[in-house]
Structure formats: C-alpha cells, structure tokens
Amino acid sequence: MADKNLVCKDCQREFIFTEGEQEFYKEKGLQNEPQRCPDCRKEKKRQRFGRNRYNQN
C-alpha cells in the first residue's frame, strides 16, 4: 500500500493519505477515504463540537 494524493472537497488543496492512515482506516473498518484535508477536518470538528458543547454563553 502506498501513500495516496487526495483533493479536499472543501478547500480543493491536495493532501496525502499516508500508508499509516490507510492502515488505521482499514483496522477501524472504515471503507471510505477521507474527503477533507487535516486542516478542514479539524475546522469542521471545531464547528460541530467546539462552540456548541463548551461555549454556550
């Protein structure tokens, strides 16, 4: 298994889906490759969980 170059669906930047990440996905039973780069995944997660859960003032 080799590293794969993917394109983020949010920012359109290319990112690498490493061999190690592919193994992790396989071990967890995940069948789809990531669609977002690490930065966009982090931002999406922050939007979903960060504000709503901890900053409800």
Protein backbone atom coordinates (compact mmCIF):
# COMPACT_ATOMS: atom_id res chain seq x y z
CA MET A 1 0.00 0.00 0.00
CA ALA A 2 1.43 3.39 -0.98
CA ASP A 3 0.62 6.95 0.07
CA LYS A 4 -2.23 8.50 -1.95
CA ASN A 5 -2.71 12.08 -3.05
CA LEU A 6 -6.29 13.24 -2.48
CA VAL A 7 -8.05 16.56 -3.05
CA CYS A 8 -10.01 18.19 -0.21
CA LYS A 9 -13.67 18.74 -1.05
CA ASP A 10 -13.77 21.99 0.97
CA CYS A 11 -10.58 23.88 0.11
CA GLN A 12 -9.57 21.98 -3.07
CA ARG A 13 -5.98 21.57 -1.81
CA GLU A 14 -4.15 18.32 -2.35
CA PHE A 15 -3.21 16.30 0.75
CA ILE A 16 -1.54 12.98 1.38
CA PHE A 17 -3.46 9.99 2.73
CA THR A 18 -0.49 8.16 4.20
CA GLU A 19 0.04 4.44 4.27
CA GLY A 20 -0.26 4.56 8.07
CA GLU A 21 -3.59 6.40 7.89
CA GLN A 22 -4.84 3.87 5.36
CA GLU A 23 -3.93 1.03 7.75
CA PHE A 24 -5.74 2.82 10.59
CA TYR A 25 -8.88 3.23 8.46
CA LYS A 26 -8.70 -0.45 7.50
CA GLU A 27 -8.30 -1.57 11.14
CA LYS A 28 -11.31 0.51 12.18
CA GLY A 29 -13.42 -0.89 9.35
CA LEU A 30 -13.72 2.47 7.59
CA GLN A 31 -14.29 1.91 3.90
CA ASN A 32 -14.25 5.46 2.51
CA GLU A 33 -11.16 7.60 2.10
CA PRO A 34 -11.17 10.99 3.85
CA GLN A 35 -12.74 13.76 1.78
CA ARG A 36 -11.23 16.67 3.72
CA CYS A 37 -7.63 17.62 4.43
CA PRO A 38 -6.50 17.54 8.08
CA ASP A 39 -6.98 21.32 8.49
CA CYS A 40 -10.53 21.25 7.13
CA ARG A 41 -11.36 18.16 9.22
CA LYS A 42 -10.14 19.99 12.31
CA GLU A 43 -12.19 23.09 11.47
CA LYS A 44 -15.32 21.03 10.75
CA LYS A 45 -14.91 19.22 14.07
CA ARG A 46 -14.41 22.54 15.90
CA GLN A 47 -17.57 23.95 14.32
CA ARG A 48 -19.57 20.87 15.22
CA PHE A 49 -18.36 20.29 18.76
CA GLY A 50 -16.24 23.20 19.98
CA ARG A 51 -18.72 26.03 20.15
CA ASN A 52 -21.88 24.05 20.84
CA ARG A 53 -20.61 21.93 23.68
CA TYR A 54 -18.35 24.27 25.63
CA ASN A 55 -19.20 27.85 24.70
CA GLN A 56 -22.96 28.08 25.05
CA ASN A 57 -22.93 31.51 26.71
